[in-house]
Amino acid sequence: MLNIRETTEADLKDILHVEAQAFGKKEGSIIVELVDGLLNDSSAKPLLSLLAEKDGQAIGHILFTKAYLTPSIDSVSALILAPLAVLPAAQSQGVGGQLIKEGLRLLRKAGVDLVFVLGHPEYYPRHGFLPAGVRGFDAPYPIPKKNADAWMVQELCQGLIGKVSGTVICADILNQPEHWRE
């Protein structure tokens, strides 16, 4: 049975192991550095970090970090989903989808309005994400036109899309051009 729970500081080793294994040798080291940095970046907070476990072993991780829109709209609460990782042996079993679902449920309950992601344009729409650029939300760095559908948003508070727009500003560690290439 899959157990999804919020992480603690004691989970760091398991989190980084899942990230490294999920993304492979070359990209894994970059993602591990990013996740470790985000977990310790005060500009990323508040954040939500969830771990998926099966039979007591960590098999998946998802991280949502603070974001905001500019021009500043103080009344809108936003986060960025980055990254989502599942061990290769546990992929294609719904673990990622369950992490997304639980994360969005907790964020909705906490009053978050919008969640953004730069990810696979065939995967995330299955979980309610829609292209963000055409809805008035620019990524922190330009996304090439051919990859525009990879920049996505999901509204957790109905009625915001179409009423608010702007450029998404993310945590300092994530606000680097190399993290915005899909």
Protein backbone atom coordinates (compact mmCIF):
# COMPACT_ATOMS: atom_id res chain seq x y z
CA MET A 1 0.00 0.00 0.00
CA LEU A 2 1.23 3.49 -0.87
CA ASN A 3 1.67 5.97 1.97
CA ILE A 4 2.05 9.68 1.17
CA ARG A 5 3.14 12.03 3.91
CA GLU A 6 4.78 15.39 4.48
CA THR A 7 8.53 15.16 4.77
CA THR A 8 10.69 16.05 7.74
CA GLU A 9 14.36 17.04 7.92
CA ALA A 10 15.15 13.40 8.69
CA ASP A 11 13.92 12.44 5.19
CA LEU A 12 16.56 14.43 3.29
CA LYS A 13 18.70 11.40 2.41
CA ASP A 14 15.66 9.49 1.05
CA ILE A 15 14.42 12.55 -0.87
CA LEU A 16 17.77 13.11 -2.56
CA HIS A 17 18.11 9.38 -3.35
CA VAL A 18 14.70 9.34 -5.08
CA GLU A 19 15.57 12.49 -7.04
CA ALA A 20 18.96 11.15 -8.16
CA GLN A 21 17.57 7.77 -9.23
CA ALA A 22 14.53 9.20 -11.00
CA PHE A 23 16.46 11.64 -13.16
CA GLY A 24 19.51 9.51 -13.95
CA LYS A 25 23.20 10.11 -13.49
CA LYS A 26 23.77 13.40 -15.35
CA GLU A 27 20.50 15.26 -14.75
CA GLY A 28 20.05 13.61 -11.34
CA SER A 29 23.00 15.46 -9.82
CA ILE A 30 21.60 18.79 -11.03
CA ILE A 31 18.15 17.98 -9.62
CA VAL A 32 19.61 16.79 -6.31
CA GLU A 33 21.45 20.09 -5.95
CA LEU A 34 18.29 22.01 -6.87
CA VAL A 35 16.07 20.13 -4.39
CA ASP A 36 18.61 20.39 -1.59
CA GLY A 37 18.87 24.11 -2.30
CA LEU A 38 15.10 24.64 -2.44
CA LEU A 39 14.55 22.85 0.85
CA ASN A 40 16.98 25.30 2.45
CA ASP A 41 16.06 28.47 0.51
CA SER A 42 14.04 30.87 2.66
CA SER A 43 12.56 32.47 -0.49
CA ALA A 44 11.02 29.05 -1.37
CA LYS A 45 8.88 29.02 1.75
CA PRO A 46 6.21 28.25 2.52
CA LEU A 47 6.71 24.98 0.70
CA LEU A 48 5.11 21.56 0.61
CA SER A 49 7.31 18.48 0.34
CA LEU A 50 5.67 15.05 0.13
CA LEU A 51 7.23 11.60 0.16
CA ALA A 52 5.58 8.47 -1.24
CA GLU A 53 6.53 5.26 0.53
CA LYS A 54 5.76 1.64 -0.24
CA ASP A 55 6.64 -1.06 2.27
CA GLY A 56 8.59 1.54 4.25
CA GLN A 57 10.80 2.53 1.30
CA ALA A 58 10.76 6.01 -0.27
CA ILE A 59 9.72 5.64 -3.92
CA GLY A 60 8.52 9.13 -4.87
CA HIS A 61 8.84 12.78 -3.96
CA ILE A 62 7.09 16.01 -4.95
CA LEU A 63 8.02 19.55 -4.02
CA PHE A 64 5.94 22.73 -4.25
CA THR A 65 7.68 26.05 -3.51
CA LYS A 66 6.51 29.64 -3.11
CA ALA A 67 5.96 31.84 -6.14
CA TYR A 68 4.26 35.14 -6.79
CA LEU A 69 3.02 37.19 -9.71
CA THR A 70 4.44 40.47 -10.89
CA PRO A 71 3.06 43.00 -11.14
CA SER A 72 2.38 42.09 -7.54
CA ILE A 73 -1.06 40.80 -6.73
CA ASP A 74 -0.87 40.26 -2.98
CA SER A 75 -4.25 38.57 -2.81
CA VAL A 76 -3.12 35.68 -5.07
CA SER A 77 -1.24 32.78 -3.51
CA ALA A 78 0.90 30.73 -5.92
CA LEU A 79 3.35 27.83 -5.81
CA ILE A 80 5.51 26.01 -8.34
CA LEU A 81 5.60 22.23 -8.60
CA ALA A 82 9.24 21.29 -9.13
CA PRO A 83 10.28 18.59 -9.21
CA LEU A 84 8.20 15.42 -9.20
CA ALA A 85 10.31 12.27 -8.99
CA VAL A 86 9.51 8.56 -8.85
CA LEU A 87 12.04 5.71 -8.67
CA PRO A 88 12.34 4.02 -12.08
CA ALA A 89 11.05 0.67 -10.71
CA ALA A 90 7.90 2.41 -9.42
CA GLN A 91 7.13 4.50 -12.51
CA SER A 92 3.97 3.95 -14.58
CA GLN A 93 2.13 2.74 -11.47
CA GLY A 94 0.31 5.98 -10.61
CA VAL A 95 2.69 7.11 -7.87
CA GLY A 96 3.35 10.49 -9.50
CA GLY A 97 -0.35 11.08 -10.03
CA GLN A 98 -1.11 10.25 -6.42
CA LEU A 99 1.61 12.65 -5.24
CA ILE A 100 0.16 15.41 -7.43
CA LYS A 101 -3.39 14.71 -6.25
CA GLU A 102 -2.46 14.75 -2.56
CA GLY A 103 -0.28 17.83 -2.97
CA LEU A 104 -3.03 19.77 -4.71
CA ARG A 105 -5.56 18.64 -2.10
CA LEU A 106 -3.36 19.94 0.73
CA LEU A 107 -2.62 23.20 -1.11
CA ARG A 108 -6.31 23.81 -1.85
CA LYS A 109 -7.06 23.23 1.84
CA ALA A 110 -4.28 25.71 2.75
CA GLY A 111 -5.82 28.40 0.51
CA VAL A 112 -3.34 28.35 -2.38
CA ASP A 113 -4.86 29.84 -5.54
CA LEU A 114 -2.54 28.81 -8.41
CA VAL A 115 0.04 26.08 -9.01
CA PHE A 116 2.49 26.30 -11.90
CA VAL A 117 4.72 23.63 -13.44
CA LEU A 118 7.23 23.38 -16.28
CA GLY A 119 6.85 19.77 -17.32
CA HIS A 120 5.80 17.19 -19.83
CA PRO A 121 2.83 18.59 -21.80
CA GLU A 122 1.26 15.14 -22.20
CA TYR A 123 1.53 14.15 -18.51
CA TYR A 124 0.47 17.14 -16.42
CA PRO A 125 -2.78 17.92 -18.29
CA ARG A 126 -4.03 14.50 -17.10
CA HIS A 127 -3.85 16.03 -13.62
CA GLY A 128 -5.70 19.26 -14.43
CA PHE A 129 -2.87 21.51 -15.64
CA LEU A 130 -3.42 23.80 -18.63
CA PRO A 131 -0.97 25.81 -20.76
CA ALA A 132 -0.18 28.95 -18.73
CA GLY A 133 1.28 31.32 -21.33
CA VAL A 134 -1.93 31.58 -23.36
CA ARG A 135 -3.77 32.28 -20.09
CA GLY A 136 -1.63 35.34 -19.33
CA PHE A 137 1.06 33.81 -17.10
CA ASP A 138 4.66 34.19 -18.22
CA ALA A 139 7.41 31.91 -16.90
CA PRO A 140 10.34 33.44 -15.00
CA TYR A 141 12.42 32.99 -18.17
CA PRO A 142 11.15 32.83 -21.76
CA ILE A 143 10.00 29.39 -22.89
CA PRO A 144 10.73 28.68 -26.58
CA LYS A 145 7.54 28.74 -28.66
CA LYS A 146 7.93 25.05 -29.58
CA ASN A 147 7.82 24.18 -25.84
CA ALA A 148 5.17 26.72 -24.80
CA ASP A 149 2.69 24.01 -23.75
CA ALA A 150 5.19 22.71 -21.18
CA TRP A 151 4.58 25.82 -19.02
CA MET A 152 1.31 25.07 -17.23
CA VAL A 153 -1.00 26.28 -14.48
CA GLN A 154 -3.82 24.87 -12.39
CA GLU A 155 -6.20 27.08 -10.49
CA LEU A 156 -7.19 25.77 -7.08
CA CYS A 157 -9.50 28.72 -6.48
CA GLN A 158 -12.07 28.89 -9.28
CA GLY A 159 -12.42 32.06 -11.29
CA LEU A 160 -8.91 33.52 -11.07
CA ILE A 161 -7.71 32.60 -14.54
CA GLY A 162 -8.80 35.38 -16.85
CA LYS A 163 -8.93 37.89 -13.98
CA VAL A 164 -5.24 37.88 -13.03
CA SER A 165 -2.08 37.62 -15.10
CA GLY A 166 1.60 38.44 -14.92
CA THR A 167 5.07 36.97 -14.75
CA VAL A 168 5.68 34.24 -12.21
CA ILE A 169 8.60 34.89 -9.87
CA CYS A 170 9.98 31.87 -8.05
CA ALA A 171 12.43 31.03 -5.26
CA ASP A 172 15.97 32.34 -5.63
CA ILE A 173 17.53 28.88 -6.19
CA LEU A 174 14.99 28.06 -8.93
CA ASN A 175 15.27 31.50 -10.52
CA GLN A 176 18.15 30.53 -12.82
CA PRO A 177 17.82 30.27 -16.62
CA GLU A 178 19.15 26.68 -16.72
CA HIS A 179 16.09 25.47 -14.78
CA TRP A 180 13.70 26.91 -17.37
CA ARG A 181 14.54 24.81 -20.39
CA GLU A 182 12.04 22.08 -21.14
